[in-house]
PDB file of N, CA and C in Angstrom:
ATOM      1  N   MET A   1      70.800   8.438  84.757  1.00  0.00           N
ATOM      2  CA  MET A   1      71.272   8.541  85.936  1.00  0.00           C
ATOM      3  C   MET A   1      70.123   8.411  86.931  1.00  0.00           C
ATOM      4  N   ALA A   2      70.385   7.583  88.058  1.00  0.00           N
ATOM      5  CA  ALA A   2      69.823   6.830  88.733  1.00  0.00           C
ATOM      6  C   ALA A   2      68.869   8.282  89.804  1.00  0.00           C
ATOM      7  N   GLU A   3      67.601   8.714  90.305  1.00  0.00           N
ATOM      8  CA  GLU A   3      67.748   9.240  91.295  1.00  0.00           C
ATOM      9  C   GLU A   3      66.888   8.667  92.359  1.00  0.00           C
ATOM     10  N   GLU A   4      67.601   8.826  93.654  1.00  0.00           N
ATOM     11  CA  GLU A   4      66.744   7.842  94.653  1.00  0.00           C
ATOM     12  C   GLU A   4      65.950   9.243  95.286  1.00  0.00           C
ATOM     13  N   ILE A   5      64.697   8.237  96.061  1.00  0.00           N
ATOM     14  CA  ILE A   5      63.987   8.788  96.460  1.00  0.00           C
ATOM     15  C   ILE A   5      64.117   8.592  97.976  1.00  0.00           C
ATOM     16  N   ARG A   6      64.379   9.484  98.840  1.00  0.00           N
ATOM     17  CA  ARG A   6      64.400   8.970 100.556  1.00  0.00           C
ATOM     18  C   ARG A   6      63.709   9.975 101.575  1.00  0.00           C
ATOM     19  N   ALA A   7      63.435   9.128 102.573  1.00  0.00           N
ATOM     20  CA  ALA A   7      62.371   9.490 103.513  1.00  0.00           C
ATOM     21  C   ALA A   7      62.793  11.407 104.106  1.00  0.00           C
ATOM     22  N   GLU A   8      61.639  12.007 104.058  1.00  0.00           N
ATOM     23  CA  GLU A   8      62.190  13.052 105.016  1.00  0.00           C
ATOM     24  C   GLU A   8      61.966  12.987 106.879  1.00  0.00           C
ATOM     25  N   MET A   9      61.486  11.644 106.558  1.00  0.00           N
ATOM     26  CA  MET A   9      60.976  12.157 108.234  1.00  0.00           C
ATOM     27  C   MET A   9      60.321  10.678 108.689  1.00  0.00           C
ATOM     28  N   VAL A  10      60.786  10.468 109.812  1.00  0.00           N
ATOM     29  CA  VAL A  10      60.316   9.227 110.226  1.00  0.00           C
ATOM     30  C   VAL A  10      58.762   8.907 110.192  1.00  0.00           C
ATOM     31  N   ALA A  11      58.135   7.997 109.501  1.00  0.00           N
ATOM     32  CA  ALA A  11      56.688   7.711 109.095  1.00  0.00           C
ATOM     33  C   ALA A  11      56.862   6.332 108.954  1.00  0.00           C
ATOM     34  N   ASN A  12      55.373   5.862 108.932  1.00  0.00           N
ATOM     35  CA  ASN A  12      54.979   4.406 108.327  1.00  0.00           C
ATOM     36  C   ASN A  12      54.716   4.462 106.808  1.00  0.00           C
ATOM     37  N   VAL A  13      55.097   3.228 106.470  1.00  0.00           N
ATOM     38  CA  VAL A  13      54.198   3.071 104.849  1.00  0.00           C
ATOM     39  C   VAL A  13      52.953   2.690 104.695  1.00  0.00           C
ATOM     40  N   TRP A  14      52.162   3.662 104.693  1.00  0.00           N
ATOM     41  CA  TRP A  14      50.654   3.393 104.591  1.00  0.00           C
ATOM     42  C   TRP A  14      50.361   2.513 103.452  1.00  0.00           C
ATOM     43  N   LYS A  15      50.687   2.941 102.411  1.00  0.00           N
ATOM     44  CA  LYS A  15      50.511   2.404 101.433  1.00  0.00           C
ATOM     45  C   LYS A  15      51.149   2.557  99.978  1.00  0.00           C
ATOM     46  N   VAL A  16      51.829   1.589  99.641  1.00  0.00           N
ATOM     47  CA  VAL A  16      52.765   1.553  98.382  1.00  0.00           C
ATOM     48  C   VAL A  16      51.323   1.415  96.852  1.00  0.00           C
ATOM     49  N   VAL A  17      51.999   2.526  95.995  1.00  0.00           N
ATOM     50  CA  VAL A  17      51.049   3.279  95.331  1.00  0.00           C
ATOM     51  C   VAL A  17      52.184   2.486  93.884  1.00  0.00           C
ATOM     52  N   ALA A  18      53.460   2.679  93.695  1.00  0.00           N
ATOM     53  CA  ALA A  18      54.101   2.595  92.337  1.00  0.00           C
ATOM     54  C   ALA A  18      54.463   1.444  93.172  1.00  0.00           C
ATOM     55  N   SER A  19      54.817   0.519  91.938  1.00  0.00           N
ATOM     56  CA  SER A  19      55.248  -0.912  91.325  1.00  0.00           C
ATOM     57  C   SER A  19      56.756  -0.801  90.693  1.00  0.00           C
ATOM     58  N   ALA A  20      57.834  -1.446  90.756  1.00  0.00           N
ATOM     59  CA  ALA A  20      59.337  -1.714  89.701  1.00  0.00           C
ATOM     60  C   ALA A  20      58.592  -2.219  88.882  1.00  0.00           C
ATOM     61  N   GLY A  21      59.204  -1.207  87.507  1.00  0.00           N
ATOM     62  CA  GLY A  21      58.920  -1.711  86.287  1.00  0.00           C
ATOM     63  C   GLY A  21      57.900  -0.687  85.933  1.00  0.00           C
ATOM     64  N   ASP A  22      57.096   0.420  86.967  1.00  0.00           N
ATOM     65  CA  ASP A  22      55.932   1.014  86.650  1.00  0.00           C
ATOM     66  C   ASP A  22      56.724   2.388  85.717  1.00  0.00           C
ATOM     67  N   THR A  23      56.157   2.916  84.594  1.00  0.00           N
ATOM     68  CA  THR A  23      56.554   4.017  84.454  1.00  0.00           C
ATOM     69  C   THR A  23      55.834   6.088  84.728  1.00  0.00           C
ATOM     70  N   VAL A  24      56.736   6.365  85.553  1.00  0.00           N
ATOM     71  CA  VAL A  24      56.440   7.709  86.455  1.00  0.00           C
ATOM     72  C   VAL A  24      56.637   8.873  85.979  1.00  0.00           C
ATOM     73  N   ALA A  25      55.875   9.820  85.856  1.00  0.00           N
ATOM     74  CA  ALA A  25      56.091  11.268  85.627  1.00  0.00           C
ATOM     75  C   ALA A  25      56.465  12.056  86.725  1.00  0.00           C
ATOM     76  N   GLU A  26      57.202  13.527  86.346  1.00  0.00           N
ATOM     77  CA  GLU A  26      57.606  13.954  87.979  1.00  0.00           C
ATOM     78  C   GLU A  26      55.971  14.444  88.485  1.00  0.00           C
ATOM     79  N   GLY A  27      55.944  14.439  89.460  1.00  0.00           N
ATOM     80  CA  GLY A  27      54.759  14.392  90.309  1.00  0.00           C
ATOM     81  C   GLY A  27      53.565  13.284  90.665  1.00  0.00           C
ATOM     82  N   ASP A  28      54.281  12.142  90.315  1.00  0.00           N
ATOM     83  CA  ASP A  28      53.467  11.387  90.762  1.00  0.00           C
ATOM     84  C   ASP A  28      53.724  10.663  91.603  1.00  0.00           C
ATOM     85  N   THR A  29      52.836   9.828  92.424  1.00  0.00           N
ATOM     86  CA  THR A  29      52.547   9.181  93.993  1.00  0.00           C
ATOM     87  C   THR A  29      53.261   8.448  93.684  1.00  0.00           C
ATOM     88  N   LEU A  30      54.429   8.018  94.612  1.00  0.00           N
ATOM     89  CA  LEU A  30      55.272   6.485  94.732  1.00  0.00           C
ATOM     90  C   LEU A  30      54.872   5.890  95.818  1.00  0.00           C
ATOM     91  N   VAL A  31      54.690   6.271  96.666  1.00  0.00           N
ATOM     92  CA  VAL A  31      54.193   6.149  98.760  1.00  0.00           C
ATOM     93  C   VAL A  31      53.439   6.962  98.952  1.00  0.00           C
ATOM     94  N   ILE A  32      52.455   6.589  99.902  1.00  0.00           N
ATOM     95  CA  ILE A  32      52.110   7.529 101.199  1.00  0.00           C
ATOM     96  C   ILE A  32      52.963   6.904 102.488  1.00  0.00           C
ATOM     97  N   LEU A  33      53.089   7.893 102.824  1.00  0.00           N
ATOM     98  CA  LEU A  33      53.331   7.592 104.481  1.00  0.00           C
ATOM     99  C   LEU A  33      52.119   8.121 105.614  1.00  0.00           C
ATOM    100  N   GLU A  34      52.835   7.640 106.754  1.00  0.00           N
ATOM    101  CA  GLU A  34      51.956   8.203 107.863  1.00  0.00           C
ATOM    102  C   GLU A  34      52.330   8.549 108.717  1.00  0.00           C
ATOM    103  N   SER A  35      52.131  10.047 109.579  1.00  0.00           N
ATOM    104  CA  SER A  35      53.173  10.467 110.777  1.00  0.00           C
ATOM    105  C   SER A  35      51.926  11.410 111.141  1.00  0.00           C
ATOM    106  N   MET A  36      51.959  11.063 112.469  1.00  0.00           N
ATOM    107  CA  MET A  36      50.921  11.714 113.473  1.00  0.00           C
ATOM    108  C   MET A  36      49.424  11.872 112.462  1.00  0.00           C
ATOM    109  N   LYS A  37      48.808  10.830 112.291  1.00  0.00           N
ATOM    110  CA  LYS A  37      47.675  10.703 111.799  1.00  0.00           C
ATOM    111  C   LYS A  37      47.190  11.480 110.415  1.00  0.00           C
ATOM    112  N   MET A  38      48.727  11.638 109.862  1.00  0.00           N
ATOM    113  CA  MET A  38      48.572  12.865 108.477  1.00  0.00           C
ATOM    114  C   MET A  38      49.406  11.803 107.562  1.00  0.00           C
ATOM    115  N   GLU A  39      48.643  11.760 106.197  1.00  0.00           N
ATOM    116  CA  GLU A  39      48.700  11.001 105.250  1.00  0.00           C
ATOM    117  C   GLU A  39      50.247  11.809 103.976  1.00  0.00           C
ATOM    118  N   ILE A  40      51.068  11.506 104.275  1.00  0.00           N
ATOM    119  CA  ILE A  40      52.184  12.330 103.313  1.00  0.00           C
ATOM    120  C   ILE A  40      52.579  11.805 102.011  1.00  0.00           C
ATOM    121  N   PRO A  41      51.986  12.454 100.734  1.00  0.00           N
ATOM    122  CA  PRO A  41      52.356  11.657  99.516  1.00  0.00           C
ATOM    123  C   PRO A  41      54.292  11.429  99.421  1.00  0.00           C
ATOM    124  N   VAL A  42      54.725  10.547  98.953  1.00  0.00           N
ATOM    125  CA  VAL A  42      56.066  10.520  98.641  1.00  0.00           C
ATOM    126  C   VAL A  42      55.755  10.539  96.789  1.00  0.00           C
ATOM    127  N   LEU A  43      56.317  12.009  96.536  1.00  0.00           N
ATOM    128  CA  LEU A  43      56.332  12.138  95.012  1.00  0.00           C
ATOM    129  C   LEU A  43      57.438  11.579  94.174  1.00  0.00           C
ATOM    130  N   ALA A  44      57.626  11.740  92.323  1.00  0.00           N
ATOM    131  CA  ALA A  44      58.270  11.062  91.894  1.00  0.00           C
ATOM    132  C   ALA A  44      58.562  12.606  91.561  1.00  0.00           C
ATOM    133  N   GLU A  45      60.020  12.854  92.018  1.00  0.00           N
ATOM    134  CA  GLU A  45      60.638  14.544  91.413  1.00  0.00           C
ATOM    135  C   GLU A  45      61.272  14.409  89.863  1.00  0.00           C
ATOM    136  N   GLY A  46      61.407  13.359  89.475  1.00  0.00           N
ATOM    137  CA  GLY A  46      61.728  13.383  87.917  1.00  0.00           C
ATOM    138  C   GLY A  46      60.537  12.519  87.084  1.00  0.00           C
ATOM    139  N   GLY A  47      60.688  12.412  85.893  1.00  0.00           N
ATOM    140  CA  GLY A  47      59.975  10.974  84.854  1.00  0.00           C
ATOM    141  C   GLY A  47      61.186  10.206  85.200  1.00  0.00           C
ATOM    142  N   GLY A  48      60.694   8.958  84.809  1.00  0.00           N
ATOM    143  CA  GLY A  48      61.338   7.682  84.542  1.00  0.00           C
ATOM    144  C   GLY A  48      60.314   6.668  84.876  1.00  0.00           C
ATOM    145  N   THR A  49      61.522   5.626  85.152  1.00  0.00           N
ATOM    146  CA  THR A  49      61.026   4.097  85.544  1.00  0.00           C
ATOM    147  C   THR A  49      61.543   3.646  87.162  1.00  0.00           C
ATOM    148  N   VAL A  50      60.632   3.129  87.284  1.00  0.00           N
ATOM    149  CA  VAL A  50      60.560   3.223  88.786  1.00  0.00           C
ATOM    150  C   VAL A  50      61.719   1.486  88.814  1.00  0.00           C
ATOM    151  N   ARG A  51      62.859   1.679  89.467  1.00  0.00           N
ATOM    152  CA  ARG A  51      64.102   0.845  89.012  1.00  0.00           C
ATOM    153  C   ARG A  51      63.829  -0.454  90.544  1.00  0.00           C
ATOM    154  N   GLN A  52      63.731   0.321  91.379  1.00  0.00           N
ATOM    155  CA  GLN A  52      63.291  -0.278  93.107  1.00  0.00           C
ATOM    156  C   GLN A  52      62.656   0.075  93.720  1.00  0.00           C
ATOM    157  N   LEU A  53      61.640  -0.443  94.597  1.00  0.00           N
ATOM    158  CA  LEU A  53      60.942  -0.032  95.917  1.00  0.00           C
ATOM    159  C   LEU A  53      61.703  -0.615  96.916  1.00  0.00           C
ATOM    160  N   ALA A  54      62.010   0.366  97.956  1.00  0.00           N
ATOM    161  CA  ALA A  54      62.876  -0.159  98.829  1.00  0.00           C
ATOM    162  C   ALA A  54      62.099  -1.145 100.384  1.00  0.00           C
ATOM    163  N   VAL A  55      60.600  -0.287 100.172  1.00  0.00           N
ATOM    164  CA  VAL A  55      59.838   0.032 100.950  1.00  0.00           C
ATOM    165  C   VAL A  55      58.570  -1.007 100.902  1.00  0.00           C
ATOM    166  N   ASN A  56      57.989  -1.671 102.153  1.00  0.00           N
ATOM    167  CA  ASN A  56      56.670  -2.808 101.957  1.00  0.00           C
ATOM    168  C   ASN A  56      55.526  -1.948 102.875  1.00  0.00           C
ATOM    169  N   GLU A  57      54.401  -1.861 102.331  1.00  0.00           N
ATOM    170  CA  GLU A  57      52.970  -1.271 103.345  1.00  0.00           C
ATOM    171  C   GLU A  57      53.591  -2.106 104.632  1.00  0.00           C
ATOM    172  N   GLY A  58      53.332  -1.122 105.948  1.00  0.00           N
ATOM    173  CA  GLY A  58      53.623  -1.296 106.795  1.00  0.00           C
ATOM    174  C   GLY A  58      54.811  -1.324 107.564  1.00  0.00           C
ATOM    175  N   ASP A  59      56.010  -0.895 106.928  1.00  0.00           N
ATOM    176  CA  ASP A  59      56.960  -0.441 107.064  1.00  0.00           C
ATOM    177  C   ASP A  59      57.312   0.534 107.891  1.00  0.00           C
ATOM    178  N   VAL A  60      58.292   0.890 108.680  1.00  0.00           N
ATOM    179  CA  VAL A  60      58.883   2.005 109.565  1.00  0.00           C
ATOM    180  C   VAL A  60      59.841   2.897 108.963  1.00  0.00           C
ATOM    181  N   VAL A  61      59.971   3.814 108.261  1.00  0.00           N
ATOM    182  CA  VAL A  61      61.330   4.285 107.559  1.00  0.00           C
ATOM    183  C   VAL A  61      61.481   5.033 108.650  1.00  0.00           C
ATOM    184  N   GLN A  62      62.813   5.679 108.709  1.00  0.00           N
ATOM    185  CA  GLN A  62      63.577   6.782 109.531  1.00  0.00           C
ATOM    186  C   GLN A  62      63.846   7.828 108.505  1.00  0.00           C
ATOM    187  N   GLU A  63      63.999   8.903 108.548  1.00  0.00           N
ATOM    188  CA  GLU A  63      64.931  10.515 108.155  1.00  0.00           C
ATOM    189  C   GLU A  63      65.834   9.698 107.318  1.00  0.00           C
ATOM    190  N   GLY A  64      66.107   9.971 105.561  1.00  0.00           N
ATOM    191  CA  GLY A  64      67.212   9.466 105.155  1.00  0.00           C
ATOM    192  C   GLY A  64      66.924   7.526 104.342  1.00  0.00           C
ATOM    193  N   ASP A  65      66.048   7.339 104.759  1.00  0.00           N
ATOM    194  CA  ASP A  65      66.068   5.998 104.475  1.00  0.00           C
ATOM    195  C   ASP A  65      65.675   5.733 102.806  1.00  0.00           C
ATOM    196  N   LEU A  66      66.286   4.781 102.340  1.00  0.00           N
ATOM    197  CA  LEU A  66      65.649   4.593 100.663  1.00  0.00           C
ATOM    198  C   LEU A  66      64.300   4.305 100.493  1.00  0.00           C
ATOM    199  N   ILE A  67      63.524   5.007  99.691  1.00  0.00           N
ATOM    200  CA  ILE A  67      62.577   4.394  99.530  1.00  0.00           C
ATOM    201  C   ILE A  67      61.883   3.977  98.129  1.00  0.00           C
ATOM    202  N   ALA A  68      63.099   4.362  96.833  1.00  0.00           N
ATOM    203  CA  ALA A  68      62.377   4.302  95.441  1.00  0.00           C
ATOM    204  C   ALA A  68      63.603   4.944  94.902  1.00  0.00           C
ATOM    205  N   VAL A  69      63.787   3.872  93.177  1.00  0.00           N
ATOM    206  CA  VAL A  69      65.263   4.573  92.725  1.00  0.00           C
ATOM    207  C   VAL A  69      64.135   4.177  91.316  1.00  0.00           C
ATOM    208  N   ILE A  70      64.418   5.844  90.988  1.00  0.00           N
ATOM    209  CA  ILE A  70      64.164   5.900  89.333  1.00  0.00           C
ATOM    210  C   ILE A  70      65.090   5.943  88.708  1.00  0.00           C
ATOM    211  N   GLU A  71      65.238   5.534  87.496  1.00  0.00           N
ATOM    212  CA  GLU A  71      66.230   5.703  86.359  1.00  0.00           C
ATOM    213  C   GLU A  71      65.311   6.456  85.094  1.00  0.00           C
TER     214      GLU A  71
END
């Protein structure tokens, strides 16, 4: 079953750490968001393979926007 990782706040995508096809474990950092000069890591909530990364460095995400899909 696919797990969707979504943004919890409005932020800039500062750094993309994972790539589509990568195998990740629970707690691995997928991307790092920046908001109000704070860096916020977006973590995998479970293990699996990154099927889709829906953001690129420099993008602005809104609360609820899709960041990644892990299967």
